[in-house]
PDB file of N, CA and C in Angstrom:
ATOM      1  N   MET A   1       0.828  -1.184   0.000  1.00  0.00           N
ATOM      2  CA  MET A   1       0.000   0.000   0.000  1.00  0.00           C
ATOM      3  C   MET A   1       0.863   1.235   0.000  1.00  0.00           C
ATOM      4  N   GLU A   2       0.371   2.170  -0.707  1.00  0.00           N
ATOM      5  CA  GLU A   2       1.111   3.430  -0.781  1.00  0.00           C
ATOM      6  C   GLU A   2       0.756   4.294   0.418  1.00  0.00           C
ATOM      7  N   LEU A   3       1.492   5.354   0.541  1.00  0.00           N
ATOM      8  CA  LEU A   3       1.306   6.284   1.659  1.00  0.00           C
ATOM      9  C   LEU A   3      -0.055   6.975   1.575  1.00  0.00           C
ATOM     10  N   THR A   4      -0.465   7.417   0.403  1.00  0.00           N
ATOM     11  CA  THR A   4      -1.755   8.114   0.258  1.00  0.00           C
ATOM     12  C   THR A   4      -2.916   7.178   0.582  1.00  0.00           C
ATOM     13  N   GLN A   5      -2.823   5.938   0.155  1.00  0.00           N
ATOM     14  CA  GLN A   5      -3.891   4.990   0.474  1.00  0.00           C
ATOM     15  C   GLN A   5      -3.971   4.754   1.979  1.00  0.00           C
ATOM     16  N   SER A   6      -2.851   4.672   2.629  1.00  0.00           N
ATOM     17  CA  SER A   6      -2.821   4.470   4.087  1.00  0.00           C
ATOM     18  C   SER A   6      -3.413   5.666   4.810  1.00  0.00           C
ATOM     19  N   VAL A   7      -3.068   6.868   4.347  1.00  0.00           N
ATOM     20  CA  VAL A   7      -3.598   8.091   4.961  1.00  0.00           C
ATOM     21  C   VAL A   7      -5.114   8.169   4.743  1.00  0.00           C
ATOM     22  N   LEU A   8      -5.563   7.889   3.527  1.00  0.00           N
ATOM     23  CA  LEU A   8      -6.997   7.918   3.246  1.00  0.00           C
ATOM     24  C   LEU A   8      -7.745   6.876   4.075  1.00  0.00           C
ATOM     25  N   LEU A   9      -7.188   5.698   4.223  1.00  0.00           N
ATOM     26  CA  LEU A   9      -7.817   4.661   5.035  1.00  0.00           C
ATOM     27  C   LEU A   9      -7.900   5.090   6.503  1.00  0.00           C
ATOM     28  N   ALA A  10      -6.851   5.701   7.009  1.00  0.00           N
ATOM     29  CA  ALA A  10      -6.843   6.186   8.386  1.00  0.00           C
ATOM     30  C   ALA A  10      -7.892   7.286   8.573  1.00  0.00           C
ATOM     31  N   VAL A  11      -8.001   8.198   7.601  1.00  0.00           N
ATOM     32  CA  VAL A  11      -8.989   9.286   7.674  1.00  0.00           C
ATOM     33  C   VAL A  11     -10.405   8.716   7.634  1.00  0.00           C
ATOM     34  N   VAL A  12     -10.642   7.738   6.768  1.00  0.00           N
ATOM     35  CA  VAL A  12     -11.969   7.128   6.669  1.00  0.00           C
ATOM     36  C   VAL A  12     -12.315   6.430   7.981  1.00  0.00           C
ATOM     37  N   ILE A  13     -11.367   5.734   8.575  1.00  0.00           N
ATOM     38  CA  ILE A  13     -11.622   5.045   9.838  1.00  0.00           C
ATOM     39  C   ILE A  13     -11.923   6.050  10.958  1.00  0.00           C
ATOM     40  N   VAL A  14     -11.136   7.100  11.038  1.00  0.00           N
ATOM     41  CA  VAL A  14     -11.348   8.124  12.072  1.00  0.00           C
ATOM     42  C   VAL A  14     -12.701   8.810  11.872  1.00  0.00           C
ATOM     43  N   LEU A  15     -13.045   9.158  10.639  1.00  0.00           N
ATOM     44  CA  LEU A  15     -14.337   9.808  10.375  1.00  0.00           C
ATOM     45  C   LEU A  15     -15.500   8.870  10.685  1.00  0.00           C
ATOM     46  N   THR A  16     -15.341   7.598  10.378  1.00  0.00           N
ATOM     47  CA  THR A  16     -16.392   6.628  10.681  1.00  0.00           C
ATOM     48  C   THR A  16     -16.623   6.528  12.184  1.00  0.00           C
ATOM     49  N   ILE A  17     -15.535   6.427  12.923  1.00  0.00           N
ATOM     50  CA  ILE A  17     -15.648   6.374  14.391  1.00  0.00           C
ATOM     51  C   ILE A  17     -16.286   7.662  14.914  1.00  0.00           C
ATOM     52  N   PHE A  18     -15.875   8.790  14.386  1.00  0.00           N
ATOM     53  CA  PHE A  18     -16.416  10.081  14.796  1.00  0.00           C
ATOM     54  C   PHE A  18     -17.923  10.155  14.513  1.00  0.00           C
ATOM     55  N   LEU A  19     -18.345   9.719  13.342  1.00  0.00           N
ATOM     56  CA  LEU A  19     -19.768   9.774  12.985  1.00  0.00           C
ATOM     57  C   LEU A  19     -20.597   8.807  13.821  1.00  0.00           C
ATOM     58  N   VAL A  20     -20.044   7.640  14.161  1.00  0.00           N
ATOM     59  CA  VAL A  20     -20.766   6.695  15.013  1.00  0.00           C
ATOM     60  C   VAL A  20     -20.966   7.290  16.404  1.00  0.00           C
ATOM     61  N   VAL A  21     -19.922   7.885  16.962  1.00  0.00           N
ATOM     62  CA  VAL A  21     -20.027   8.524  18.278  1.00  0.00           C
ATOM     63  C   VAL A  21     -21.023   9.676  18.223  1.00  0.00           C
ATOM     64  N   LEU A  22     -20.959  10.465  17.173  1.00  0.00           N
ATOM     65  CA  LEU A  22     -21.880  11.584  17.000  1.00  0.00           C
ATOM     66  C   LEU A  22     -23.329  11.092  16.879  1.00  0.00           C
ATOM     67  N   GLY A  23     -23.521   9.994  16.184  1.00  0.00           N
ATOM     68  CA  GLY A  23     -24.860   9.416  16.064  1.00  0.00           C
ATOM     69  C   GLY A  23     -25.416   9.002  17.419  1.00  0.00           C
ATOM     70  N   PHE A  24     -24.589   8.369  18.256  1.00  0.00           N
ATOM     71  CA  PHE A  24     -25.043   8.007  19.591  1.00  0.00           C
ATOM     72  C   PHE A  24     -25.390   9.246  20.418  1.00  0.00           C
ATOM     73  N   GLN A  25     -24.579  10.271  20.298  1.00  0.00           N
ATOM     74  CA  GLN A  25     -24.851  11.506  21.045  1.00  0.00           C
ATOM     75  C   GLN A  25     -26.172  12.136  20.603  1.00  0.00           C
ATOM     76  N   VAL A  26     -26.428  12.153  19.329  1.00  0.00           N
ATOM     77  CA  VAL A  26     -27.691  12.712  18.814  1.00  0.00           C
ATOM     78  C   VAL A  26     -28.862  11.876  19.320  1.00  0.00           C
ATOM     79  N   PHE A  27     -28.697  10.558  19.339  1.00  0.00           N
ATOM     80  CA  PHE A  27     -29.741   9.682  19.849  1.00  0.00           C
ATOM     81  C   PHE A  27     -30.055  10.009  21.312  1.00  0.00           C
ATOM     82  N   TYR A  28     -29.029  10.161  22.148  1.00  0.00           N
ATOM     83  CA  TYR A  28     -29.251  10.467  23.559  1.00  0.00           C
ATOM     84  C   TYR A  28     -29.865  11.854  23.755  1.00  0.00           C
ATOM     85  N   VAL A  29     -29.434  12.809  22.960  1.00  0.00           N
ATOM     86  CA  VAL A  29     -30.002  14.157  23.060  1.00  0.00           C
ATOM     87  C   VAL A  29     -31.479  14.142  22.683  1.00  0.00           C
ATOM     88  N   LEU A  30     -31.821  13.451  21.623  1.00  0.00           N
ATOM     89  CA  LEU A  30     -33.228  13.378  21.213  1.00  0.00           C
ATOM     90  C   LEU A  30     -34.070  12.626  22.240  1.00  0.00           C
ATOM     91  N   ARG A  31     -33.508  11.592  22.850  1.00  0.00           N
ATOM     92  CA  ARG A  31     -34.233  10.859  23.887  1.00  0.00           C
ATOM     93  C   ARG A  31     -34.481  11.748  25.099  1.00  0.00           C
ATOM     94  N   ASP A  32     -33.470  12.522  25.516  1.00  0.00           N
ATOM     95  CA  ASP A  32     -33.647  13.450  26.630  1.00  0.00           C
ATOM     96  C   ASP A  32     -34.636  14.553  26.278  1.00  0.00           C
ATOM     97  N   LEU A  33     -34.611  15.004  25.038  1.00  0.00           N
ATOM     98  CA  LEU A  33     -35.557  16.023  24.595  1.00  0.00           C
ATOM     99  C   LEU A  33     -36.985  15.493  24.660  1.00  0.00           C
ATOM    100  N   ARG A  34     -37.167  14.234  24.286  1.00  0.00           N
ATOM    101  CA  ARG A  34     -38.501  13.619  24.342  1.00  0.00           C
ATOM    102  C   ARG A  34     -38.995  13.549  25.783  1.00  0.00           C
ATOM    103  N   LYS A  35     -38.121  13.153  26.715  1.00  0.00           N
ATOM    104  CA  LYS A  35     -38.497  13.099  28.127  1.00  0.00           C
ATOM    105  C   LYS A  35     -38.840  14.491  28.649  1.00  0.00           C
ATOM    106  N   THR A  36     -38.039  15.471  28.270  1.00  0.00           N
ATOM    107  CA  THR A  36     -38.265  16.840  28.730  1.00  0.00           C
ATOM    108  C   THR A  36     -39.585  17.379  28.196  1.00  0.00           C
ATOM    109  N   LEU A  37     -39.890  17.109  26.935  1.00  0.00           N
ATOM    110  CA  LEU A  37     -41.154  17.568  26.373  1.00  0.00           C
ATOM    111  C   LEU A  37     -42.343  16.879  27.041  1.00  0.00           C
ATOM    112  N   GLY A  38     -42.191  15.615  27.404  1.00  0.00           N
ATOM    113  CA  GLY A  38     -43.251  14.914  28.134  1.00  0.00           C
ATOM    114  C   GLY A  38     -43.499  15.547  29.497  1.00  0.00           C
ATOM    115  N   ARG A  39     -42.425  15.875  30.199  1.00  0.00           N
ATOM    116  CA  ARG A  39     -42.566  16.537  31.500  1.00  0.00           C
ATOM    117  C   ARG A  39     -43.185  17.915  31.348  1.00  0.00           C
ATOM    118  N   LEU A  40     -42.771  18.626  30.325  1.00  0.00           N
ATOM    119  CA  LEU A  40     -43.321  19.957  30.066  1.00  0.00           C
ATOM    120  C   LEU A  40     -44.806  19.872  29.741  1.00  0.00           C
ATOM    121  N   ASN A  41     -45.201  18.857  29.006  1.00  0.00           N
ATOM    122  CA  ASN A  41     -46.608  18.658  28.677  1.00  0.00           C
ATOM    123  C   ASN A  41     -47.426  18.384  29.940  1.00  0.00           C
ATOM    124  N   ARG A  42     -46.902  17.551  30.827  1.00  0.00           N
ATOM    125  CA  ARG A  42     -47.596  17.298  32.099  1.00  0.00           C
ATOM    126  C   ARG A  42     -47.684  18.561  32.939  1.00  0.00           C
ATOM    127  N   LEU A  43     -46.618  19.367  32.927  1.00  0.00           N
ATOM    128  CA  LEU A  43     -46.621  20.620  33.676  1.00  0.00           C
ATOM    129  C   LEU A  43     -47.705  21.560  33.150  1.00  0.00           C
ATOM    130  N   PHE A  44     -47.843  21.651  31.830  1.00  0.00           N
ATOM    131  CA  PHE A  44     -48.870  22.505  31.246  1.00  0.00           C
ATOM    132  C   PHE A  44     -50.274  21.970  31.554  1.00  0.00           C
ATOM    133  N   ASP A  45     -50.438  20.661  31.570  1.00  0.00           N
ATOM    134  CA  ASP A  45     -51.733  20.076  31.922  1.00  0.00           C
ATOM    135  C   ASP A  45     -52.094  20.404  33.371  1.00  0.00           C
ATOM    136  N   ASP A  46     -51.103  20.288  34.271  1.00  0.00           N
ATOM    137  CA  ASP A  46     -51.347  20.623  35.675  1.00  0.00           C
ATOM    138  C   ASP A  46     -51.671  22.106  35.834  1.00  0.00           C
ATOM    139  N   ALA A  47     -50.958  22.957  35.119  1.00  0.00           N
ATOM    140  CA  ALA A  47     -51.219  24.393  35.191  1.00  0.00           C
ATOM    141  C   ALA A  47     -52.606  24.715  34.650  1.00  0.00           C
ATOM    142  N   ASP A  48     -53.012  24.026  33.596  1.00  0.00           N
ATOM    143  CA  ASP A  48     -54.346  24.252  33.020  1.00  0.00           C
ATOM    144  C   ASP A  48     -55.432  23.853  34.011  1.00  0.00           C
ATOM    145  N   SER A  49     -55.264  22.719  34.670  1.00  0.00           N
ATOM    146  CA  SER A  49     -56.268  22.298  35.652  1.00  0.00           C
ATOM    147  C   SER A  49     -56.286  23.237  36.851  1.00  0.00           C
ATOM    148  N   LEU A  50     -55.121  23.739  37.254  1.00  0.00           N
ATOM    149  CA  LEU A  50     -55.055  24.685  38.368  1.00  0.00           C
ATOM    150  C   LEU A  50     -55.759  25.986  38.015  1.00  0.00           C
ATOM    151  N   VAL A  51     -55.520  26.474  36.813  1.00  0.00           N
ATOM    152  CA  VAL A  51     -56.167  27.713  36.382  1.00  0.00           C
ATOM    153  C   VAL A  51     -57.675  27.532  36.302  1.00  0.00           C
ATOM    154  N   SER A  52     -58.142  26.399  35.817  1.00  0.00           N
ATOM    155  CA  SER A  52     -59.588  26.173  35.735  1.00  0.00           C
ATOM    156  C   SER A  52     -60.198  26.069  37.127  1.00  0.00           C
ATOM    157  N   GLU A  53     -59.481  25.495  38.095  1.00  0.00           N
ATOM    158  CA  GLU A  53     -59.980  25.413  39.464  1.00  0.00           C
ATOM    159  C   GLU A  53     -60.040  26.796  40.115  1.00  0.00           C
ATOM    160  N   VAL A  54     -59.102  27.655  39.801  1.00  0.00           N
ATOM    161  CA  VAL A  54     -59.104  29.013  40.349  1.00  0.00           C
ATOM    162  C   VAL A  54     -60.172  29.857  39.661  1.00  0.00           C
ATOM    163  N   LYS A  55     -60.412  29.581  38.396  1.00  0.00           N
ATOM    164  CA  LYS A  55     -61.357  30.379  37.614  1.00  0.00           C
ATOM    165  C   LYS A  55     -62.802  30.146  38.048  1.00  0.00           C
ATOM    166  N   LYS A  56     -63.141  28.953  38.474  1.00  0.00           N
ATOM    167  CA  LYS A  56     -64.523  28.623  38.838  1.00  0.00           C
ATOM    168  C   LYS A  56     -65.063  29.522  39.952  1.00  0.00           C
ATOM    169  N   PRO A  57     -64.382  29.667  41.105  1.00  0.00           N
ATOM    170  CA  PRO A  57     -64.925  30.537  42.157  1.00  0.00           C
ATOM    171  C   PRO A  57     -65.002  32.005  41.734  1.00  0.00           C
ATOM    172  N   ILE A  58     -64.058  32.434  40.918  1.00  0.00           N
ATOM    173  CA  ILE A  58     -64.076  33.825  40.466  1.00  0.00           C
ATOM    174  C   ILE A  58     -65.290  34.069  39.578  1.00  0.00           C
ATOM    175  N   GLU A  59     -65.602  33.122  38.698  1.00  0.00           N
ATOM    176  CA  GLU A  59     -66.787  33.261  37.847  1.00  0.00           C
ATOM    177  C   GLU A  59     -68.061  33.250  38.685  1.00  0.00           C
ATOM    178  N   LYS A  60     -68.101  32.391  39.717  1.00  0.00           N
ATOM    179  CA  LYS A  60     -69.278  32.349  40.578  1.00  0.00           C
ATOM    180  C   LYS A  60     -69.450  33.661  41.334  1.00  0.00           C
ATOM    181  N   ALA A  61     -68.339  34.217  41.819  1.00  0.00           N
ATOM    182  CA  ALA A  61     -68.411  35.501  42.519  1.00  0.00           C
ATOM    183  C   ALA A  61     -68.893  36.594  41.573  1.00  0.00           C
ATOM    184  N   GLY A  62     -68.444  36.570  40.338  1.00  0.00           N
ATOM    185  CA  GLY A  62     -68.907  37.538  39.347  1.00  0.00           C
ATOM    186  C   GLY A  62     -70.386  37.395  39.074  1.00  0.00           C
ATOM    187  N   THR A  63     -70.877  36.163  39.031  1.00  0.00           N
ATOM    188  CA  THR A  63     -72.302  35.929  38.809  1.00  0.00           C
ATOM    189  C   THR A  63     -73.122  36.443  39.990  1.00  0.00           C
ATOM    190  N   ILE A  64     -72.625  36.199  41.195  1.00  0.00           N
ATOM    191  CA  ILE A  64     -73.324  36.690  42.385  1.00  0.00           C
ATOM    192  C   ILE A  64     -73.358  38.209  42.395  1.00  0.00           C
ATOM    193  N   LEU A  65     -72.241  38.849  42.111  1.00  0.00           N
ATOM    194  CA  LEU A  65     -72.206  40.314  42.078  1.00  0.00           C
ATOM    195  C   LEU A  65     -73.124  40.858  40.991  1.00  0.00           C
ATOM    196  N   SER A  66     -73.180  40.204  39.881  1.00  0.00           N
ATOM    197  CA  SER A  66     -74.077  40.629  38.805  1.00  0.00           C
ATOM    198  C   SER A  66     -75.531  40.510  39.254  1.00  0.00           C
ATOM    199  N   GLY A  67     -75.872  39.441  39.942  1.00  0.00           N
ATOM    200  CA  GLY A  67     -77.228  39.266  40.458  1.00  0.00           C
ATOM    201  C   GLY A  67     -77.582  40.320  41.489  1.00  0.00           C
ATOM    202  N   LEU A  68     -76.627  40.623  42.372  1.00  0.00           N
ATOM    203  CA  LEU A  68     -76.871  41.662  43.374  1.00  0.00           C
ATOM    204  C   LEU A  68     -77.075  43.021  42.722  1.00  0.00           C
ATOM    205  N   THR A  69     -76.284  43.317  41.721  1.00  0.00           N
ATOM    206  CA  THR A  69     -76.428  44.591  41.016  1.00  0.00           C
ATOM    207  C   THR A  69     -77.781  44.674  40.335  1.00  0.00           C
ATOM    208  N   THR A  70     -78.185  43.599  39.701  1.00  0.00           N
ATOM    209  CA  THR A  70     -79.496  43.578  39.044  1.00  0.00           C
ATOM    210  C   THR A  70     -80.604  43.733  40.076  1.00  0.00           C
ATOM    211  N   GLY A  71     -80.507  43.039  41.203  1.00  0.00           N
ATOM    212  CA  GLY A  71     -81.500  43.157  42.271  1.00  0.00           C
ATOM    213  C   GLY A  71     -81.570  44.560  42.828  1.00  0.00           C
ATOM    214  N   ALA A  72     -80.414  45.203  43.026  1.00  0.00           N
ATOM    215  CA  ALA A  72     -80.391  46.579  43.535  1.00  0.00           C
ATOM    216  C   ALA A  72     -81.032  47.524  42.529  1.00  0.00           C
ATOM    217  N   THR A  73     -80.786  47.300  41.253  1.00  0.00           N
ATOM    218  CA  THR A  73     -81.392  48.149  40.222  1.00  0.00           C
ATOM    219  C   THR A  73     -82.905  47.982  40.218  1.00  0.00           C
ATOM    220  N   ILE A  74     -83.383  46.766  40.325  1.00  0.00           N
ATOM    221  CA  ILE A  74     -84.831  46.516  40.350  1.00  0.00           C
ATOM    222  C   ILE A  74     -85.442  47.140  41.599  1.00  0.00           C
ATOM    223  N   ALA A  75     -84.783  46.991  42.751  1.00  0.00           N
ATOM    224  CA  ALA A  75     -85.291  47.582  43.993  1.00  0.00           C
ATOM    225  C   ALA A  75     -85.349  49.097  43.880  1.00  0.00           C
ATOM    226  N   HIS A  76     -84.347  49.692  43.273  1.00  0.00           N
ATOM    227  CA  HIS A  76     -84.319  51.140  43.093  1.00  0.00           C
ATOM    228  C   HIS A  76     -85.460  51.584  42.182  1.00  0.00           C
ATOM    229  N   LEU A  77     -85.689  50.853  41.108  1.00  0.00           N
ATOM    230  CA  LEU A  77     -86.779  51.209  40.190  1.00  0.00           C
ATOM    231  C   LEU A  77     -88.136  51.042  40.870  1.00  0.00           C
ATOM    232  N   LEU A  78     -88.295  49.994  41.663  1.00  0.00           N
ATOM    233  CA  LEU A  78     -89.559  49.790  42.372  1.00  0.00           C
ATOM    234  C   LEU A  78     -89.799  50.871  43.407  1.00  0.00           C
ATOM    235  N   SER A  79     -88.744  51.275  44.104  1.00  0.00           N
ATOM    236  CA  SER A  79     -88.913  52.331  45.110  1.00  0.00           C
ATOM    237  C   SER A  79     -89.233  53.660  44.441  1.00  0.00           C
ATOM    238  N   ARG A  80     -88.680  53.931  43.304  1.00  0.00           N
ATOM    239  CA  ARG A  80     -89.024  55.151  42.563  1.00  0.00           C
ATOM    240  C   ARG A  80     -90.451  55.077  42.057  1.00  0.00           C
ATOM    241  N   GLY A  81     -90.887  53.899  41.659  1.00  0.00           N
ATOM    242  CA  GLY A  81     -92.251  53.714  41.182  1.00  0.00           C
ATOM    243  C   GLY A  81     -93.247  53.925  42.312  1.00  0.00           C
ATOM    244  N   ASP A  82     -92.923  53.485  43.519  1.00  0.00           N
ATOM    245  CA  ASP A  82     -93.816  53.700  44.665  1.00  0.00           C
ATOM    246  C   ASP A  82     -93.918  55.179  44.997  1.00  0.00           C
ATOM    247  N   LYS A  83     -92.851  55.916  44.925  1.00  0.00           N
ATOM    248  CA  LYS A  83     -92.875  57.355  45.217  1.00  0.00           C
ATOM    249  C   LYS A  83     -93.731  58.087  44.188  1.00  0.00           C
ATOM    250  N   LYS A  84     -93.615  57.709  42.932  1.00  0.00           N
ATOM    251  CA  LYS A  84     -94.437  58.328  41.897  1.00  0.00           C
ATOM    252  C   LYS A  84     -95.894  57.999  42.125  1.00  0.00           C
ATOM    253  N   GLY A  85     -96.190  56.771  42.504  1.00  0.00           N
ATOM    254  CA  GLY A  85     -97.566  56.363  42.765  1.00  0.00           C
ATOM    255  C   GLY A  85     -98.137  57.104  43.958  1.00  0.00           C
ATOM    256  N   ASP A  86     -97.317  57.340  44.997  1.00  0.00           N
ATOM    257  CA  ASP A  86     -97.781  58.079  46.164  1.00  0.00           C
ATOM    258  C   ASP A  86     -98.104  59.512  45.792  1.00  0.00           C
ATOM    259  N   LYS A  87     -97.282  60.132  45.004  1.00  0.00           N
ATOM    260  CA  LYS A  87     -97.530  61.513  44.595  1.00  0.00           C
ATOM    261  C   LYS A  87     -98.804  61.591  43.764  1.00  0.00           C
ATOM    262  N   ASP A  88     -98.986  60.660  42.841  1.00  0.00           N
ATOM    263  CA  ASP A  88    -100.183  60.669  42.006  1.00  0.00           C
ATOM    264  C   ASP A  88    -101.416  60.396  42.867  1.00  0.00           C
ATOM    265  N   GLY A  89    -101.283  59.501  43.826  1.00  0.00           N
ATOM    266  CA  GLY A  89    -102.413  59.185  44.681  1.00  0.00           C
ATOM    267  C   GLY A  89    -102.813  60.367  45.564  1.00  0.00           C
ATOM    268  N   LYS A  90    -101.867  61.121  46.054  1.00  0.00           N
ATOM    269  CA  LYS A  90    -102.146  62.271  46.900  1.00  0.00           C
ATOM    270  C   LYS A  90    -102.847  63.347  46.085  1.00  0.00           C
ATOM    271  N   ARG A  91    -102.445  63.511  44.840  1.00  0.00           N
ATOM    272  CA  ARG A  91    -103.054  64.538  44.008  1.00  0.00           C
ATOM    273  C   ARG A  91    -104.522  64.198  43.732  1.00  0.00           C
ATOM    274  N   GLU A  92    -104.783  62.916  43.514  1.00  0.00           N
ATOM    275  CA  GLU A  92    -106.141  62.516  43.213  1.00  0.00           C
ATOM    276  C   GLU A  92    -107.008  62.622  44.456  1.00  0.00           C
ATOM    277  N   GLY A  93    -106.444  62.395  45.581  1.00  0.00           N
ATOM    278  CA  GLY A  93    -107.208  62.449  46.823  1.00  0.00           C
ATOM    279  C   GLY A  93    -107.579  63.869  47.212  1.00  0.00           C
ATOM    280  N   LYS A  94    -106.880  64.889  46.783  1.00  0.00           N
ATOM    281  CA  LYS A  94    -107.155  66.269  47.174  1.00  0.00           C
ATOM    282  C   LYS A  94    -108.279  66.846  46.456  1.00  0.00           C
TER     283      LYS A  94
END
């Protein structure tokens, strides 16, 4: 074998070993990435359920406040209606 053939064979062997090692590293990185994405997905699911649990009482409180506001408005309108009726009734009675 000539010198150039020996050098080329050595380079091919070194590059092959390098690419095999690199392939294993990529495999491990992708496997760790898959595990990390799975954990992240579970974290987002837990956060979503937590937010929905916190949102329920806030929505109920908003509904109660809306009902109270509507009730106060109706009571105010009824009390104004009674005052108008009293004034009209007094005028008719005189």
